[in-house]
Amino acid sequence: MSAVIELHDVVALYGSHPALAGATLRVNRGEIIVVRGPNGAGKSSLLRLCAGLVAPSRGTAVVLDHDLSVDRDRVGKRVGLLGQRNGLFLDLSAAENVQFWGQLSGASAAEMSEAMQRMGITNSLATRRVGSMSTGQRKRVALACLVTRRAELWLLDEPHSGLDASGRDELDEVLRQAANAGATIVLASHESERAERLGARVVSMSGGQVVS
């Protein structure tokens, strides 16, 4: 089975601080991986590295067949990252945000509409300015944008936080469908029961390393 992520003894620095301190991980195509660990363990740094936003200072890091030490820019076009900032334009409406990201990836109007419907972005919520939304509503918009991007690799940092019960269940179904369609999904989460529901492989991080 082909590897989408292949990390070996990767060190990544924020200033002089080692955000990753010798991380080794292999993720195969179509897998769902849940990354667990305490705050500061390196989960977010791992996701940012795989998105091409952080350069490895040591070790080998290959994502989607691109060597991150020399070819980070091309990785970003094939990856969908949902982090704490979520990449939304606060002055635009929910529908305008989805349209922006959907057009970049060539999604049809029908695909954009379906993504918004799936995440419960309907009626007045679709036309509301994102800056006036609650945390959970913004998360729904960000997830709809991610769905329309058709990314090969999904990198999600605590994607269930801020969502109500129905939103969490809908997200789980979206993730399962994406994996069945060939996407690879890596998500950082404190919710261990989610891994069981998703049929995911669980890896643990501590001190900037993958420990299990």
N, C-alpha and C. Protein backbone atom coordinates (compact mmCIF):
# COMPACT_ATOMS: atom_id res chain seq x y z
N MET A 1 0.85 -1.20 0.00
CA MET A 1 0.00 0.00 0.00
C MET A 1 0.88 1.24 0.00
N SER A 2 0.53 2.24 -0.83
CA SER A 2 1.38 3.42 -0.97
C SER A 2 1.23 4.35 0.22
N ALA A 3 2.33 4.99 0.57
CA ALA A 3 2.34 5.92 1.70
C ALA A 3 2.02 7.33 1.22
N VAL A 4 1.14 8.00 1.93
CA VAL A 4 0.85 9.41 1.68
C VAL A 4 1.75 10.28 2.54
N ILE A 5 2.03 9.82 3.75
CA ILE A 5 2.94 10.51 4.67
C ILE A 5 4.03 9.54 5.08
N GLU A 6 5.27 9.97 4.94
CA GLU A 6 6.42 9.15 5.35
C GLU A 6 7.40 10.07 6.08
N LEU A 7 7.39 10.00 7.41
CA LEU A 7 8.28 10.81 8.23
C LEU A 7 9.25 9.90 8.96
N HIS A 8 10.51 10.30 8.98
CA HIS A 8 11.51 9.53 9.70
C HIS A 8 12.44 10.47 10.45
N ASP A 9 12.37 10.41 11.80
CA ASP A 9 13.26 11.17 12.67
C ASP A 9 13.23 12.66 12.34
N VAL A 10 12.01 13.21 12.17
CA VAL A 10 11.87 14.59 11.75
C VAL A 10 11.94 15.54 12.94
N VAL A 11 12.79 16.54 12.79
CA VAL A 11 12.89 17.64 13.75
C VAL A 11 12.42 18.90 13.05
N ALA A 12 11.54 19.65 13.71
CA ALA A 12 11.06 20.93 13.19
C ALA A 12 11.12 21.95 14.31
N LEU A 13 11.59 23.14 14.01
CA LEU A 13 11.82 24.16 15.03
C LEU A 13 10.88 25.33 14.87
N TYR A 14 10.41 25.87 16.01
CA TYR A 14 9.80 27.20 16.07
C TYR A 14 10.80 28.08 16.80
N GLY A 15 11.54 28.89 16.03
CA GLY A 15 12.65 29.61 16.65
C GLY A 15 13.71 28.61 17.04
N SER A 16 14.04 28.58 18.31
CA SER A 16 15.00 27.59 18.80
C SER A 16 14.32 26.43 19.52
N HIS A 17 12.99 26.46 19.55
CA HIS A 17 12.24 25.43 20.27
C HIS A 17 11.89 24.28 19.33
N PRO A 18 12.18 23.03 19.70
CA PRO A 18 11.84 21.89 18.84
C PRO A 18 10.36 21.52 18.96
N ALA A 19 9.55 21.95 17.98
CA ALA A 19 8.14 21.59 17.97
C ALA A 19 7.96 20.11 17.68
N LEU A 20 8.82 19.56 16.82
CA LEU A 20 8.91 18.12 16.59
C LEU A 20 10.34 17.71 16.88
N ALA A 21 10.50 16.61 17.62
CA ALA A 21 11.83 16.25 18.12
C ALA A 21 12.18 14.81 17.76
N GLY A 22 12.10 14.52 16.45
CA GLY A 22 12.43 13.17 16.01
C GLY A 22 11.20 12.34 15.74
N ALA A 23 10.21 12.92 15.05
CA ALA A 23 8.93 12.24 14.80
C ALA A 23 9.07 11.27 13.62
N THR A 24 8.54 10.07 13.80
CA THR A 24 8.53 9.05 12.76
C THR A 24 7.10 8.53 12.61
N LEU A 25 6.60 8.55 11.37
CA LEU A 25 5.21 8.14 11.14
C LEU A 25 5.02 7.79 9.66
N ARG A 26 4.28 6.72 9.42
CA ARG A 26 3.87 6.36 8.06
C ARG A 26 2.34 6.27 8.04
N VAL A 27 1.74 6.95 7.06
CA VAL A 27 0.29 6.91 6.86
C VAL A 27 0.03 6.48 5.43
N ASN A 28 -0.76 5.42 5.28
CA ASN A 28 -1.07 4.90 3.95
C ASN A 28 -2.31 5.55 3.36
N ARG A 29 -2.40 5.50 2.04
CA ARG A 29 -3.53 6.10 1.34
C ARG A 29 -4.85 5.49 1.81
N GLY A 30 -5.83 6.37 2.07
CA GLY A 30 -7.15 5.94 2.48
C GLY A 30 -7.31 5.69 3.97
N GLU A 31 -6.24 5.83 4.74
CA GLU A 31 -6.33 5.62 6.19
C GLU A 31 -6.98 6.83 6.88
N ILE A 32 -7.59 6.56 8.02
CA ILE A 32 -8.00 7.60 8.97
C ILE A 32 -7.14 7.41 10.21
N ILE A 33 -6.39 8.44 10.55
CA ILE A 33 -5.48 8.40 11.69
C ILE A 33 -5.93 9.43 12.72
N VAL A 34 -6.08 9.01 13.96
CA VAL A 34 -6.35 9.93 15.07
C VAL A 34 -5.08 10.08 15.88
N VAL A 35 -4.61 11.33 16.01
CA VAL A 35 -3.39 11.62 16.76
C VAL A 35 -3.79 12.16 18.13
N ARG A 36 -3.34 11.47 19.17
CA ARG A 36 -3.67 11.86 20.54
C ARG A 36 -2.43 12.29 21.28
N GLY A 37 -2.65 13.04 22.37
CA GLY A 37 -1.54 13.47 23.19
C GLY A 37 -1.91 14.74 23.93
N PRO A 38 -1.20 15.06 25.02
CA PRO A 38 -1.50 16.27 25.79
C PRO A 38 -1.16 17.53 25.01
N ASN A 39 -1.64 18.66 25.50
CA ASN A 39 -1.28 19.94 24.90
C ASN A 39 0.24 20.09 24.91
N GLY A 40 0.79 20.55 23.79
CA GLY A 40 2.24 20.71 23.69
C GLY A 40 2.97 19.46 23.24
N ALA A 41 2.22 18.40 22.93
CA ALA A 41 2.86 17.14 22.52
C ALA A 41 3.41 17.20 21.11
N GLY A 42 2.91 18.16 20.30
CA GLY A 42 3.38 18.28 18.92
C GLY A 42 2.34 17.94 17.88
N LYS A 43 1.08 17.75 18.29
CA LYS A 43 0.03 17.34 17.34
C LYS A 43 -0.18 18.40 16.25
N SER A 44 -0.38 19.64 16.67
CA SER A 44 -0.61 20.71 15.69
C SER A 44 0.61 20.92 14.81
N SER A 45 1.78 20.81 15.38
CA SER A 45 3.01 20.97 14.60
C SER A 45 3.14 19.88 13.56
N LEU A 46 2.73 18.66 13.91
CA LEU A 46 2.75 17.56 12.95
C LEU A 46 1.83 17.85 11.77
N LEU A 47 0.64 18.37 12.04
CA LEU A 47 -0.30 18.69 10.97
C LEU A 47 0.25 19.80 10.09
N ARG A 48 0.81 20.82 10.70
CA ARG A 48 1.34 21.94 9.93
C ARG A 48 2.54 21.51 9.08
N LEU A 49 3.35 20.62 9.61
CA LEU A 49 4.46 20.09 8.82
C LEU A 49 3.93 19.37 7.58
N CYS A 50 2.93 18.50 7.77
CA CYS A 50 2.39 17.72 6.66
C CYS A 50 1.67 18.60 5.64
N ALA A 51 1.22 19.78 6.06
CA ALA A 51 0.59 20.72 5.14
C ALA A 51 1.60 21.57 4.38
N GLY A 52 2.87 21.40 4.70
CA GLY A 52 3.90 22.18 4.04
C GLY A 52 4.12 23.56 4.62
N LEU A 53 3.56 23.81 5.80
CA LEU A 53 3.69 25.13 6.42
C LEU A 53 4.92 25.24 7.32
N VAL A 54 5.49 24.11 7.67
CA VAL A 54 6.68 24.07 8.53
C VAL A 54 7.73 23.23 7.81
N ALA A 55 8.94 23.73 7.79
CA ALA A 55 10.03 23.01 7.12
C ALA A 55 10.75 22.09 8.12
N PRO A 56 11.07 20.87 7.71
CA PRO A 56 11.88 20.02 8.59
C PRO A 56 13.31 20.52 8.62
N SER A 57 13.88 20.57 9.81
CA SER A 57 15.29 20.97 9.92
C SER A 57 16.22 19.77 9.98
N ARG A 58 15.63 18.58 10.19
CA ARG A 58 16.41 17.34 10.18
C ARG A 58 15.47 16.18 9.92
N GLY A 59 16.01 15.12 9.38
CA GLY A 59 15.21 13.94 9.10
C GLY A 59 14.62 13.96 7.71
N THR A 60 13.79 12.96 7.44
CA THR A 60 13.16 12.80 6.13
C THR A 60 11.66 12.99 6.26
N ALA A 61 11.11 13.86 5.42
CA ALA A 61 9.67 14.13 5.44
C ALA A 61 9.16 14.16 4.01
N VAL A 62 8.38 13.15 3.64
CA VAL A 62 7.81 13.06 2.29
C VAL A 62 6.29 12.98 2.43
N VAL A 63 5.58 13.91 1.78
CA VAL A 63 4.12 13.94 1.82
C VAL A 63 3.62 14.01 0.39
N LEU A 64 2.75 13.07 0.02
CA LEU A 64 2.20 13.00 -1.34
C LEU A 64 3.32 13.01 -2.38
N ASP A 65 4.38 12.28 -2.05
CA ASP A 65 5.54 12.11 -2.93
C ASP A 65 6.39 13.38 -3.09
N HIS A 66 6.16 14.38 -2.25
CA HIS A 66 6.97 15.60 -2.28
C HIS A 66 7.89 15.64 -1.06
N ASP A 67 9.15 15.87 -1.29
CA ASP A 67 10.13 16.01 -0.22
C ASP A 67 9.96 17.41 0.40
N LEU A 68 9.54 17.46 1.65
CA LEU A 68 9.24 18.75 2.28
C LEU A 68 10.46 19.62 2.51
N SER A 69 11.63 19.06 2.42
CA SER A 69 12.83 19.88 2.60
C SER A 69 13.11 20.75 1.38
N VAL A 70 12.52 20.39 0.22
CA VAL A 70 12.79 21.16 -1.00
C VAL A 70 11.53 21.51 -1.79
N ASP A 71 10.39 20.94 -1.45
CA ASP A 71 9.23 21.02 -2.33
C ASP A 71 7.94 21.23 -1.55
N ARG A 72 7.95 22.14 -0.58
CA ARG A 72 6.78 22.31 0.28
C ARG A 72 5.61 22.98 -0.43
N ASP A 73 5.87 23.92 -1.34
CA ASP A 73 4.81 24.70 -1.95
C ASP A 73 3.80 23.84 -2.71
N ARG A 74 4.27 22.82 -3.38
CA ARG A 74 3.37 22.00 -4.20
C ARG A 74 2.49 21.09 -3.35
N VAL A 75 2.90 20.82 -2.13
CA VAL A 75 2.08 19.99 -1.24
C VAL A 75 0.79 20.70 -0.87
N GLY A 76 0.88 22.00 -0.61
CA GLY A 76 -0.28 22.75 -0.13
C GLY A 76 -1.47 22.72 -1.06
N LYS A 77 -1.23 22.57 -2.36
CA LYS A 77 -2.32 22.54 -3.32
C LYS A 77 -3.12 21.25 -3.26
N ARG A 78 -2.56 20.23 -2.64
CA ARG A 78 -3.22 18.92 -2.60
C ARG A 78 -3.71 18.55 -1.20
N VAL A 79 -3.53 19.48 -0.26
CA VAL A 79 -3.84 19.22 1.14
C VAL A 79 -4.92 20.18 1.62
N GLY A 80 -5.83 19.69 2.47
CA GLY A 80 -6.80 20.54 3.13
C GLY A 80 -6.51 20.55 4.62
N LEU A 81 -6.15 21.72 5.14
CA LEU A 81 -5.82 21.87 6.57
C LEU A 81 -6.91 22.66 7.26
N LEU A 82 -7.46 22.09 8.32
CA LEU A 82 -8.41 22.80 9.16
C LEU A 82 -7.79 22.93 10.54
N GLY A 83 -7.27 24.14 10.81
CA GLY A 83 -6.63 24.40 12.09
C GLY A 83 -7.49 25.31 12.94
N GLN A 84 -6.88 25.94 13.92
CA GLN A 84 -7.62 26.80 14.83
C GLN A 84 -8.11 28.07 14.12
N ARG A 85 -7.37 28.55 13.12
CA ARG A 85 -7.76 29.78 12.43
C ARG A 85 -8.72 29.52 11.28
N ASN A 86 -8.80 28.33 10.81
CA ASN A 86 -9.78 27.79 9.86
C ASN A 86 -9.79 28.40 8.45
N GLY A 87 -9.03 29.45 8.18
CA GLY A 87 -8.88 29.96 6.83
C GLY A 87 -10.09 30.67 6.25
N LEU A 88 -10.99 31.14 7.09
CA LEU A 88 -12.19 31.82 6.60
C LEU A 88 -11.97 33.32 6.48
N PHE A 89 -12.71 33.94 5.55
CA PHE A 89 -12.71 35.38 5.41
C PHE A 89 -13.88 35.94 6.21
N LEU A 90 -13.59 36.67 7.26
CA LEU A 90 -14.62 37.08 8.20
C LEU A 90 -15.61 38.07 7.61
N ASP A 91 -15.19 38.84 6.61
CA ASP A 91 -16.08 39.84 6.02
C ASP A 91 -16.99 39.27 4.94
N LEU A 92 -16.77 38.01 4.56
CA LEU A 92 -17.61 37.36 3.57
C LEU A 92 -18.67 36.50 4.24
N SER A 93 -19.72 36.21 3.51
CA SER A 93 -20.76 35.31 4.02
C SER A 93 -20.28 33.87 3.96
N ALA A 94 -21.05 32.98 4.59
CA ALA A 94 -20.71 31.56 4.54
C ALA A 94 -20.67 31.07 3.09
N ALA A 95 -21.70 31.41 2.32
CA ALA A 95 -21.77 30.96 0.93
C ALA A 95 -20.61 31.51 0.11
N GLU A 96 -20.22 32.75 0.36
CA GLU A 96 -19.12 33.35 -0.38
C GLU A 96 -17.79 32.68 -0.05
N ASN A 97 -17.61 32.29 1.21
CA ASN A 97 -16.41 31.56 1.58
C ASN A 97 -16.34 30.21 0.87
N VAL A 98 -17.45 29.48 0.88
CA VAL A 98 -17.47 28.17 0.21
C VAL A 98 -17.25 28.35 -1.28
N GLN A 99 -17.84 29.37 -1.87
CA GLN A 99 -17.67 29.62 -3.29
C GLN A 99 -16.20 29.92 -3.62
N PHE A 100 -15.55 30.72 -2.78
CA PHE A 100 -14.14 31.07 -3.03
C PHE A 100 -13.28 29.82 -3.09
N TRP A 101 -13.38 28.96 -2.06
CA TRP A 101 -12.54 27.77 -2.01
C TRP A 101 -12.97 26.74 -3.05
N GLY A 102 -14.28 26.67 -3.31
CA GLY A 102 -14.75 25.72 -4.31
C GLY A 102 -14.28 26.06 -5.71
N GLN A 103 -14.28 27.34 -6.05
CA GLN A 103 -13.83 27.75 -7.38
C GLN A 103 -12.34 27.48 -7.58
N LEU A 104 -11.56 27.61 -6.51
CA LEU A 104 -10.13 27.33 -6.62
C LEU A 104 -9.87 25.89 -7.02
N SER A 105 -10.74 24.98 -6.57
CA SER A 105 -10.54 23.56 -6.85
C SER A 105 -11.40 23.06 -7.99
N GLY A 106 -12.17 23.95 -8.62
CA GLY A 106 -12.99 23.55 -9.75
C GLY A 106 -14.28 22.85 -9.38
N ALA A 107 -14.76 23.03 -8.15
CA ALA A 107 -16.01 22.41 -7.73
C ALA A 107 -17.20 23.08 -8.44
N SER A 108 -18.22 22.31 -8.72
CA SER A 108 -19.42 22.85 -9.36
C SER A 108 -20.31 23.54 -8.33
N ALA A 109 -21.26 24.33 -8.81
CA ALA A 109 -22.21 24.98 -7.92
C ALA A 109 -23.00 23.95 -7.13
N ALA A 110 -23.33 22.85 -7.78
CA ALA A 110 -24.09 21.79 -7.10
C ALA A 110 -23.27 21.18 -5.98
N GLU A 111 -21.97 20.97 -6.21
CA GLU A 111 -21.10 20.40 -5.17
C GLU A 111 -20.97 21.35 -3.99
N MET A 112 -20.86 22.65 -4.27
CA MET A 112 -20.78 23.63 -3.18
C MET A 112 -22.07 23.64 -2.37
N SER A 113 -23.19 23.62 -3.07
CA SER A 113 -24.48 23.61 -2.38
C SER A 113 -24.64 22.37 -1.53
N GLU A 114 -24.24 21.22 -2.05
CA GLU A 114 -24.34 19.97 -1.29
C GLU A 114 -23.47 20.02 -0.04
N ALA A 115 -22.25 20.57 -0.17
CA ALA A 115 -21.35 20.67 0.98
C ALA A 115 -21.97 21.52 2.08
N MET A 116 -22.61 22.63 1.70
CA MET A 116 -23.24 23.49 2.70
C MET A 116 -24.44 22.79 3.34
N GLN A 117 -25.22 22.09 2.53
CA GLN A 117 -26.36 21.35 3.08
C GLN A 117 -25.89 20.30 4.07
N ARG A 118 -24.82 19.59 3.74
CA ARG A 118 -24.31 18.53 4.61
C ARG A 118 -23.92 19.07 5.97
N MET A 119 -23.36 20.27 5.99
CA MET A 119 -22.88 20.84 7.26
C MET A 119 -23.91 21.79 7.89
N GLY A 120 -25.15 21.76 7.39
CA GLY A 120 -26.22 22.53 8.02
C GLY A 120 -26.15 24.02 7.78
N ILE A 121 -25.54 24.43 6.68
CA ILE A 121 -25.44 25.86 6.35
C ILE A 121 -26.54 26.16 5.35
N THR A 122 -27.70 26.54 5.87
CA THR A 122 -28.87 26.75 5.02
C THR A 122 -29.55 28.07 5.38
N ASN A 123 -30.44 28.49 4.50
CA ASN A 123 -31.29 29.67 4.71
C ASN A 123 -30.46 30.89 5.12
N SER A 124 -30.84 31.54 6.22
CA SER A 124 -30.18 32.79 6.60
C SER A 124 -28.72 32.59 7.01
N LEU A 125 -28.37 31.38 7.47
CA LEU A 125 -26.99 31.14 7.87
C LEU A 125 -26.04 31.21 6.67
N ALA A 126 -26.51 30.80 5.51
CA ALA A 126 -25.67 30.82 4.32
C ALA A 126 -25.28 32.23 3.91
N THR A 127 -26.15 33.21 4.19
CA THR A 127 -25.88 34.59 3.79
C THR A 127 -25.32 35.45 4.91
N ARG A 128 -25.16 34.85 6.08
CA ARG A 128 -24.64 35.62 7.23
C ARG A 128 -23.13 35.80 7.11
N ARG A 129 -22.67 36.99 7.52
CA ARG A 129 -21.24 37.26 7.52
C ARG A 129 -20.56 36.38 8.55
N VAL A 130 -19.47 35.73 8.16
CA VAL A 130 -18.80 34.77 9.03
C VAL A 130 -18.33 35.42 10.33
N GLY A 131 -17.92 36.70 10.26
CA GLY A 131 -17.44 37.37 11.46
C GLY A 131 -18.49 37.51 12.55
N SER A 132 -19.76 37.35 12.21
CA SER A 132 -20.84 37.46 13.20
C SER A 132 -21.29 36.11 13.72
N MET A 133 -20.63 35.03 13.30
CA MET A 133 -21.07 33.69 13.67
C MET A 133 -20.43 33.21 14.96
N SER A 134 -21.06 32.20 15.54
CA SER A 134 -20.50 31.53 16.71
C SER A 134 -19.35 30.62 16.29
N THR A 135 -18.60 30.11 17.26
CA THR A 135 -17.49 29.22 16.97
C THR A 135 -17.95 27.97 16.23
N GLY A 136 -19.05 27.38 16.68
CA GLY A 136 -19.56 26.19 16.04
C GLY A 136 -20.03 26.44 14.62
N GLN A 137 -20.67 27.57 14.39
CA GLN A 137 -21.12 27.91 13.04
C GLN A 137 -19.93 28.12 12.10
N ARG A 138 -18.91 28.77 12.59
CA ARG A 138 -17.71 28.96 11.76
C ARG A 138 -17.07 27.62 11.43
N LYS A 139 -17.07 26.71 12.39
CA LYS A 139 -16.49 25.39 12.14
C LYS A 139 -17.26 24.68 11.02
N ARG A 140 -18.57 24.81 11.02
CA ARG A 140 -19.36 24.20 9.96
C ARG A 140 -19.00 24.78 8.59
N VAL A 141 -18.82 26.10 8.54
CA VAL A 141 -18.46 26.74 7.27
C VAL A 141 -17.08 26.26 6.82
N ALA A 142 -16.13 26.19 7.75
CA ALA A 142 -14.79 25.75 7.40
C ALA A 142 -14.79 24.32 6.88
N LEU A 143 -15.61 23.47 7.48
CA LEU A 143 -15.70 22.08 7.02
C LEU A 143 -16.33 21.99 5.64
N ALA A 144 -17.34 22.82 5.38
CA ALA A 144 -17.94 22.84 4.04
C ALA A 144 -16.92 23.28 3.00
N CYS A 145 -16.09 24.26 3.34
CA CYS A 145 -15.02 24.70 2.44
C CYS A 145 -14.04 23.57 2.17
N LEU A 146 -13.71 22.83 3.20
CA LEU A 146 -12.77 21.73 3.05
C LEU A 146 -13.33 20.64 2.14
N VAL A 147 -14.62 20.34 2.29
CA VAL A 147 -15.24 19.32 1.45
C VAL A 147 -15.17 19.72 -0.02
N THR A 148 -15.41 20.99 -0.32
CA THR A 148 -15.42 21.42 -1.72
C THR A 148 -14.03 21.45 -2.33
N ARG A 149 -12.98 21.45 -1.52
CA ARG A 149 -11.62 21.54 -2.06
C ARG A 149 -11.13 20.22 -2.65
N ARG A 150 -11.79 19.11 -2.35
CA ARG A 150 -11.42 17.80 -2.89
C ARG A 150 -9.96 17.45 -2.57
N ALA A 151 -9.53 17.75 -1.39
CA ALA A 151 -8.14 17.49 -1.02
C ALA A 151 -7.85 15.99 -0.97
N GLU A 152 -6.63 15.63 -1.31
CA GLU A 152 -6.19 14.23 -1.21
C GLU A 152 -5.83 13.86 0.23
N LEU A 153 -5.35 14.85 0.97
CA LEU A 153 -4.96 14.64 2.37
C LEU A 153 -5.67 15.67 3.22
N TRP A 154 -6.47 15.18 4.18
CA TRP A 154 -7.18 16.06 5.11
C TRP A 154 -6.42 16.08 6.43
N LEU A 155 -6.12 17.27 6.92
CA LEU A 155 -5.41 17.45 8.18
C LEU A 155 -6.29 18.31 9.08
N LEU A 156 -6.79 17.72 10.15
CA LEU A 156 -7.82 18.35 10.97
C LEU A 156 -7.37 18.46 12.42
N ASP A 157 -7.39 19.67 12.95
CA ASP A 157 -6.97 19.91 14.33
C ASP A 157 -8.21 20.13 15.20
N GLU A 158 -8.54 19.13 16.00
CA GLU A 158 -9.72 19.14 16.88
C GLU A 158 -10.98 19.55 16.09
N PRO A 159 -11.32 18.81 15.04
CA PRO A 159 -12.43 19.23 14.17
C PRO A 159 -13.80 19.15 14.83
N HIS A 160 -13.96 18.34 15.87
CA HIS A 160 -15.27 18.20 16.50
C HIS A 160 -15.56 19.29 17.53
N SER A 161 -14.54 20.03 17.95
CA SER A 161 -14.75 21.05 18.97
C SER A 161 -15.65 22.15 18.44
N GLY A 162 -16.58 22.61 19.26
CA GLY A 162 -17.49 23.67 18.87
C GLY A 162 -18.72 23.21 18.14
N LEU A 163 -18.79 21.93 17.77
CA LEU A 163 -19.96 21.39 17.07
C LEU A 163 -20.92 20.75 18.06
N ASP A 164 -22.22 20.84 17.76
CA ASP A 164 -23.20 20.14 18.58
C ASP A 164 -23.19 18.66 18.20
N ALA A 165 -24.03 17.87 18.88
CA ALA A 165 -24.01 16.41 18.68
C ALA A 165 -24.31 16.04 17.23
N SER A 166 -25.30 16.69 16.63
CA SER A 166 -25.64 16.35 15.25
C SER A 166 -24.51 16.74 14.30
N GLY A 167 -23.86 17.86 14.58
CA GLY A 167 -22.74 18.29 13.75
C GLY A 167 -21.56 17.35 13.85
N ARG A 168 -21.31 16.81 15.02
CA ARG A 168 -20.22 15.85 15.20
C ARG A 168 -20.50 14.55 14.44
N ASP A 169 -21.74 14.09 14.54
CA ASP A 169 -22.09 12.86 13.83
C ASP A 169 -22.02 13.06 12.32
N GLU A 170 -22.46 14.22 11.85
CA GLU A 170 -22.40 14.50 10.41
C GLU A 170 -20.96 14.58 9.94
N LEU A 171 -20.11 15.19 10.75
CA LEU A 171 -18.68 15.26 10.40
C LEU A 171 -18.09 13.86 10.30
N ASP A 172 -18.41 12.99 11.24
CA ASP A 172 -17.90 11.61 11.19
C ASP A 172 -18.30 10.94 9.88
N GLU A 173 -19.53 11.15 9.46
CA GLU A 173 -19.99 10.54 8.21
C GLU A 173 -19.26 11.13 7.01
N VAL A 174 -19.02 12.45 7.03
CA VAL A 174 -18.26 13.09 5.95
C VAL A 174 -16.84 12.51 5.88
N LEU A 175 -16.22 12.30 7.03
CA LEU A 175 -14.86 11.76 7.05
C LEU A 175 -14.83 10.33 6.52
N ARG A 176 -15.80 9.52 6.93
CA ARG A 176 -15.86 8.14 6.44
C ARG A 176 -16.04 8.10 4.92
N GLN A 177 -16.91 8.95 4.42
CA GLN A 177 -17.15 8.97 2.98
C GLN A 177 -15.92 9.44 2.22
N ALA A 178 -15.22 10.43 2.76
CA ALA A 178 -14.01 10.93 2.11
C ALA A 178 -12.94 9.85 2.05
N ALA A 179 -12.78 9.11 3.14
CA ALA A 179 -11.80 8.03 3.16
C ALA A 179 -12.18 6.93 2.18
N ASN A 180 -13.46 6.60 2.11
CA ASN A 180 -13.92 5.57 1.17
C ASN A 180 -13.69 6.00 -0.27
N ALA A 181 -13.69 7.31 -0.51
CA ALA A 181 -13.47 7.83 -1.86
C ALA A 181 -11.98 7.96 -2.19
N GLY A 182 -11.11 7.64 -1.22
CA GLY A 182 -9.68 7.65 -1.49
C GLY A 182 -8.88 8.70 -0.77
N ALA A 183 -9.53 9.60 -0.03
CA ALA A 183 -8.78 10.61 0.72
C ALA A 183 -8.12 9.97 1.93
N THR A 184 -7.05 10.59 2.38
CA THR A 184 -6.35 10.17 3.59
C THR A 184 -6.60 11.25 4.64
N ILE A 185 -6.90 10.83 5.87
CA ILE A 185 -7.33 11.77 6.91
C ILE A 185 -6.49 11.59 8.16
N VAL A 186 -5.92 12.70 8.63
CA VAL A 186 -5.19 12.71 9.89
C VAL A 186 -5.81 13.80 10.75
N LEU A 187 -6.33 13.41 11.93
CA LEU A 187 -6.92 14.40 12.80
C LEU A 187 -6.40 14.30 14.20
N ALA A 188 -6.14 15.45 14.78
CA ALA A 188 -5.75 15.53 16.18
C ALA A 188 -7.02 15.65 17.01
N SER A 189 -7.15 14.83 18.04
CA SER A 189 -8.37 14.85 18.83
C SER A 189 -8.11 14.34 20.23
N HIS A 190 -8.81 14.94 21.20
CA HIS A 190 -8.78 14.45 22.57
C HIS A 190 -9.89 13.44 22.82
N GLU A 191 -10.77 13.22 21.85
CA GLU A 191 -11.95 12.39 22.04
C GLU A 191 -11.67 10.98 21.56
N SER A 192 -11.33 10.12 22.49
CA SER A 192 -10.94 8.75 22.12
C SER A 192 -12.08 7.96 21.50
N GLU A 193 -13.32 8.26 21.89
CA GLU A 193 -14.43 7.49 21.35
C GLU A 193 -14.64 7.75 19.86
N ARG A 194 -14.17 8.90 19.39
CA ARG A 194 -14.31 9.21 17.97
C ARG A 194 -13.49 8.25 17.12
N ALA A 195 -12.33 7.88 17.60
CA ALA A 195 -11.49 6.95 16.84
C ALA A 195 -12.21 5.63 16.62
N GLU A 196 -12.90 5.15 17.65
CA GLU A 196 -13.62 3.89 17.52
C GLU A 196 -14.77 4.02 16.51
N ARG A 197 -15.48 5.14 16.56
CA ARG A 197 -16.60 5.32 15.64
C ARG A 197 -16.14 5.43 14.19
N LEU A 198 -14.96 5.98 14.00
CA LEU A 198 -14.44 6.18 12.65
C LEU A 198 -13.66 4.97 12.14
N GLY A 199 -13.41 4.00 13.01
CA GLY A 199 -12.58 2.87 12.62
C GLY A 199 -11.15 3.29 12.34
N ALA A 200 -10.66 4.26 13.10
CA ALA A 200 -9.36 4.87 12.83
C ALA A 200 -8.23 4.16 13.55
N ARG A 201 -7.04 4.33 13.02
CA ARG A 201 -5.83 3.91 13.73
C ARG A 201 -5.39 5.06 14.64
N VAL A 202 -5.08 4.74 15.88
CA VAL A 202 -4.71 5.76 16.86
C VAL A 202 -3.20 5.77 17.04
N VAL A 203 -2.61 6.96 16.97
CA VAL A 203 -1.20 7.13 17.31
C VAL A 203 -1.12 8.19 18.41
N SER A 204 -0.11 8.04 19.26
CA SER A 204 0.05 8.96 20.39
C SER A 204 1.35 9.74 20.24
N MET A 205 1.30 11.01 20.68
CA MET A 205 2.47 11.86 20.65
C MET A 205 2.81 12.36 22.04
N SER A 206 4.10 12.56 22.27
CA SER A 206 4.58 13.14 23.52
C SER A 206 5.95 13.75 23.24
N GLY A 207 6.13 14.97 23.70
CA GLY A 207 7.43 15.61 23.56
C GLY A 207 7.90 15.76 22.12
N GLY A 208 6.96 15.95 21.19
CA GLY A 208 7.33 16.12 19.80
C GLY A 208 7.67 14.87 19.06
N GLN A 209 7.35 13.69 19.65
CA GLN A 209 7.62 12.42 19.02
C GLN A 209 6.35 11.56 18.97
N VAL A 210 6.28 10.69 17.98
CA VAL A 210 5.22 9.69 17.93
C VAL A 210 5.69 8.51 18.78
N VAL A 211 4.96 8.23 19.86
CA VAL A 211 5.42 7.24 20.83
C VAL A 211 4.70 5.90 20.70
N SER A 212 3.60 5.87 19.97
CA SER A 212 2.91 4.59 19.77
C SER A 212 1.93 4.70 18.60
